[in-house]
Amino acid sequence: MQIGELAKVTGTTARALRHYEQAGLISSERASNGYRVYEEGAAVRVRNIRYLLAAGLTLDDVRVFLPCLDGDVAAAPPSDKGLRVAWERLAVLNERIAAQTETRDRLEAALRQQTGSLIRPAA
């Protein structure tokens, strides 16, 4: 299947597919006209990549799951390495959330100090 068709059946974009390919997560062959051609199983792989990305993992994190991207990632028992990557990503996300919460709280305090409230004046 060509890149546009794969994008359509997986709910993604051709640009994202090229990005996944550049990251080494999917592969294609080139037709005589130069178009990328993907195997039918690529749709399962792309859906699994998108599932893992939606769960908060990065493309680098997803590489750990390469051996199982052609199956049902959501239903498969997690590997120790996969669990370690997920726990590490969760820790990173929690750190970012904490930092953003601190920043928001400082801004909120500054607004209260300057205006006496958090009510936004009419524009």
C-alpha atoms as a PDB file:
ATOM      1  CA  MET A   1       0.000   0.000   0.000  1.00  0.00           C
ATOM      2  CA  GLN A   2       1.193   3.516  -0.685  1.00  0.00           C
ATOM      3  CA  ILE A   3       1.876   6.113   1.977  1.00  0.00           C
ATOM      4  CA  GLY A   4      -1.421   7.973   1.515  1.00  0.00           C
ATOM      5  CA  GLU A   5      -3.447   4.807   1.920  1.00  0.00           C
ATOM      6  CA  LEU A   6      -1.475   3.755   5.003  1.00  0.00           C
ATOM      7  CA  ALA A   7      -1.996   7.197   6.489  1.00  0.00           C
ATOM      8  CA  LYS A   8      -5.728   6.962   5.852  1.00  0.00           C
ATOM      9  CA  VAL A   9      -6.226   3.480   7.319  1.00  0.00           C
ATOM     10  CA  THR A  10      -4.197   4.323  10.427  1.00  0.00           C
ATOM     11  CA  GLY A  11      -5.580   7.803  11.050  1.00  0.00           C
ATOM     12  CA  THR A  12      -2.232   9.497  10.752  1.00  0.00           C
ATOM     13  CA  THR A  13      -0.419  11.645   8.208  1.00  0.00           C
ATOM     14  CA  ALA A  14       2.103  10.862   5.511  1.00  0.00           C
ATOM     15  CA  ARG A  15       4.494  13.184   7.323  1.00  0.00           C
ATOM     16  CA  ALA A  16       4.178  11.150  10.537  1.00  0.00           C
ATOM     17  CA  LEU A  17       4.780   7.942   8.598  1.00  0.00           C
ATOM     18  CA  ARG A  18       7.949   9.356   7.060  1.00  0.00           C
ATOM     19  CA  HIS A  19       9.002  10.387  10.576  1.00  0.00           C
ATOM     20  CA  TYR A  20       8.379   6.855  11.905  1.00  0.00           C
ATOM     21  CA  GLU A  21      10.361   5.477   8.997  1.00  0.00           C
ATOM     22  CA  GLN A  22      13.245   7.862   9.635  1.00  0.00           C
ATOM     23  CA  ALA A  23      13.201   6.733  13.280  1.00  0.00           C
ATOM     24  CA  GLY A  24      13.538   3.119  12.131  1.00  0.00           C
ATOM     25  CA  LEU A  25      10.120   2.035  13.409  1.00  0.00           C
ATOM     26  CA  ILE A  26       8.600   1.168  10.031  1.00  0.00           C
ATOM     27  CA  SER A  27      10.086   0.433   6.629  1.00  0.00           C
ATOM     28  CA  SER A  28       9.035   0.639   3.028  1.00  0.00           C
ATOM     29  CA  GLU A  29      10.229  -0.376  -0.381  1.00  0.00           C
ATOM     30  CA  ARG A  30      10.368   1.939  -3.352  1.00  0.00           C
ATOM     31  CA  ALA A  31       8.211   1.247  -6.368  1.00  0.00           C
ATOM     32  CA  SER A  32       9.639   1.823  -9.857  1.00  0.00           C
ATOM     33  CA  ASN A  33       8.012   5.270  -9.807  1.00  0.00           C
ATOM     34  CA  GLY A  34       9.836   6.132  -6.551  1.00  0.00           C
ATOM     35  CA  TYR A  35       6.735   5.966  -4.335  1.00  0.00           C
ATOM     36  CA  ARG A  36       6.985   4.357  -0.937  1.00  0.00           C
ATOM     37  CA  VAL A  37       5.195   1.021  -0.723  1.00  0.00           C
ATOM     38  CA  TYR A  38       4.387  -0.560   2.632  1.00  0.00           C
ATOM     39  CA  GLU A  39       3.432  -4.139   3.424  1.00  0.00           C
ATOM     40  CA  GLU A  40      -0.122  -4.762   4.634  1.00  0.00           C
ATOM     41  CA  GLY A  41       1.175  -5.500   8.156  1.00  0.00           C
ATOM     42  CA  ALA A  42       2.506  -1.955   8.416  1.00  0.00           C
ATOM     43  CA  ALA A  43      -0.950  -0.761   9.473  1.00  0.00           C
ATOM     44  CA  VAL A  44      -0.816  -2.855  12.651  1.00  0.00           C
ATOM     45  CA  ARG A  45       2.669  -1.570  13.406  1.00  0.00           C
ATOM     46  CA  VAL A  46       1.641   2.068  12.888  1.00  0.00           C
ATOM     47  CA  ARG A  47      -1.443   1.659  15.084  1.00  0.00           C
ATOM     48  CA  ASN A  48       0.758   0.207  17.829  1.00  0.00           C
ATOM     49  CA  ILE A  49       3.227   3.075  17.491  1.00  0.00           C
ATOM     50  CA  ARG A  50       0.383   5.567  17.782  1.00  0.00           C
ATOM     51  CA  TYR A  51      -1.025   3.686  20.805  1.00  0.00           C
ATOM     52  CA  LEU A  52       2.324   3.908  22.597  1.00  0.00           C
ATOM     53  CA  LEU A  53       2.807   7.561  21.670  1.00  0.00           C
ATOM     54  CA  ALA A  54      -0.702   8.362  22.914  1.00  0.00           C
ATOM     55  CA  ALA A  55       0.212   6.665  26.200  1.00  0.00           C
ATOM     56  CA  GLY A  56       2.955   9.264  26.651  1.00  0.00           C
ATOM     57  CA  LEU A  57       5.998   7.464  25.306  1.00  0.00           C
ATOM     58  CA  THR A  58       8.428   9.046  22.865  1.00  0.00           C
ATOM     59  CA  LEU A  59       9.640   7.581  19.567  1.00  0.00           C
ATOM     60  CA  ASP A  60      12.892   6.662  21.315  1.00  0.00           C
ATOM     61  CA  ASP A  61      10.875   4.859  23.988  1.00  0.00           C
ATOM     62  CA  VAL A  62       8.863   3.031  21.328  1.00  0.00           C
ATOM     63  CA  ARG A  63      12.063   1.464  19.937  1.00  0.00           C
ATOM     64  CA  VAL A  64      12.132  -0.797  23.010  1.00  0.00           C
ATOM     65  CA  PHE A  65       8.870  -2.307  21.798  1.00  0.00           C
ATOM     66  CA  LEU A  66      10.098  -3.102  18.247  1.00  0.00           C
ATOM     67  CA  PRO A  67       9.976  -6.881  18.782  1.00  0.00           C
ATOM     68  CA  CYS A  68       6.253  -6.747  19.546  1.00  0.00           C
ATOM     69  CA  LEU A  69       4.985  -3.893  17.325  1.00  0.00           C
ATOM     70  CA  ASP A  70       3.529  -6.340  14.815  1.00  0.00           C
ATOM     71  CA  GLY A  71       1.225  -7.949  17.384  1.00  0.00           C
ATOM     72  CA  ASP A  72      -1.334  -6.704  19.893  1.00  0.00           C
ATOM     73  CA  VAL A  73       0.814  -4.434  22.051  1.00  0.00           C
ATOM     74  CA  ALA A  74      -2.068  -3.465  24.326  1.00  0.00           C
ATOM     75  CA  ALA A  75      -2.909  -7.079  25.180  1.00  0.00           C
ATOM     76  CA  ALA A  76       0.629  -8.489  25.349  1.00  0.00           C
ATOM     77  CA  PRO A  77       2.247  -9.022  28.733  1.00  0.00           C
ATOM     78  CA  PRO A  78       4.786  -6.249  29.316  1.00  0.00           C
ATOM     79  CA  SER A  79       8.483  -7.021  29.268  1.00  0.00           C
ATOM     80  CA  ASP A  80      10.764  -5.917  32.081  1.00  0.00           C
ATOM     81  CA  LYS A  81      12.503  -3.527  29.690  1.00  0.00           C
ATOM     82  CA  GLY A  82       9.180  -2.119  28.471  1.00  0.00           C
ATOM     83  CA  LEU A  83       8.003  -1.580  32.031  1.00  0.00           C
ATOM     84  CA  ARG A  84      11.264   0.138  32.944  1.00  0.00           C
ATOM     85  CA  VAL A  85      10.924   2.520  29.994  1.00  0.00           C
ATOM     86  CA  ALA A  86       7.294   3.267  30.904  1.00  0.00           C
ATOM     87  CA  TRP A  87       8.182   3.950  34.556  1.00  0.00           C
ATOM     88  CA  GLU A  88      11.042   6.221  33.492  1.00  0.00           C
ATOM     89  CA  ARG A  89       8.755   8.140  31.124  1.00  0.00           C
ATOM     90  CA  LEU A  90       6.151   8.490  33.888  1.00  0.00           C
ATOM     91  CA  ALA A  91       8.811   9.951  36.190  1.00  0.00           C
ATOM     92  CA  VAL A  92       9.814  12.472  33.513  1.00  0.00           C
ATOM     93  CA  LEU A  93       6.181  13.466  32.968  1.00  0.00           C
ATOM     94  CA  ASN A  94       5.617  13.867  36.708  1.00  0.00           C
ATOM     95  CA  GLU A  95       8.697  16.094  36.958  1.00  0.00           C
ATOM     96  CA  ARG A  96       7.437  18.261  34.099  1.00  0.00           C
ATOM     97  CA  ILE A  97       3.983  18.528  35.637  1.00  0.00           C
ATOM     98  CA  ALA A  98       5.500  19.537  38.980  1.00  0.00           C
ATOM     99  CA  ALA A  99       7.655  22.192  37.303  1.00  0.00           C
ATOM    100  CA  GLN A 100       4.690  23.572  35.363  1.00  0.00           C
ATOM    101  CA  THR A 101       2.572  23.603  38.527  1.00  0.00           C
ATOM    102  CA  GLU A 102       5.271  25.593  40.334  1.00  0.00           C
ATOM    103  CA  THR A 103       5.454  28.060  37.452  1.00  0.00           C
ATOM    104  CA  ARG A 104       1.675  28.463  37.404  1.00  0.00           C
ATOM    105  CA  ASP A 105       1.578  28.988  41.156  1.00  0.00           C
ATOM    106  CA  ARG A 106       4.277  31.687  40.961  1.00  0.00           C
ATOM    107  CA  LEU A 107       2.400  33.474  38.185  1.00  0.00           C
ATOM    108  CA  GLU A 108      -0.864  33.214  40.099  1.00  0.00           C
ATOM    109  CA  ALA A 109       0.771  34.643  43.226  1.00  0.00           C
ATOM    110  CA  ALA A 110       2.291  37.508  41.237  1.00  0.00           C
ATOM    111  CA  LEU A 111      -1.096  38.324  39.692  1.00  0.00           C
ATOM    112  CA  ARG A 112      -2.766  38.314  43.090  1.00  0.00           C
ATOM    113  CA  GLN A 113      -0.067  40.538  44.491  1.00  0.00           C
ATOM    114  CA  GLN A 114      -0.386  43.019  41.625  1.00  0.00           C
ATOM    115  CA  THR A 115      -4.159  43.002  41.196  1.00  0.00           C
ATOM    116  CA  GLY A 116      -5.524  41.770  44.486  1.00  0.00           C
ATOM    117  CA  SER A 117      -7.446  38.965  42.767  1.00  0.00           C
ATOM    118  CA  LEU A 118      -7.423  36.521  39.903  1.00  0.00           C
ATOM    119  CA  ILE A 119     -10.379  38.125  38.166  1.00  0.00           C
ATOM    120  CA  ARG A 120      -9.278  39.093  34.701  1.00  0.00           C
ATOM    121  CA  PRO A 121     -10.218  42.629  33.708  1.00  0.00           C
ATOM    122  CA  ALA A 122     -12.511  42.990  30.704  1.00  0.00           C
ATOM    123  CA  ALA A 123     -10.661  43.604  27.475  1.00  0.00           C
END
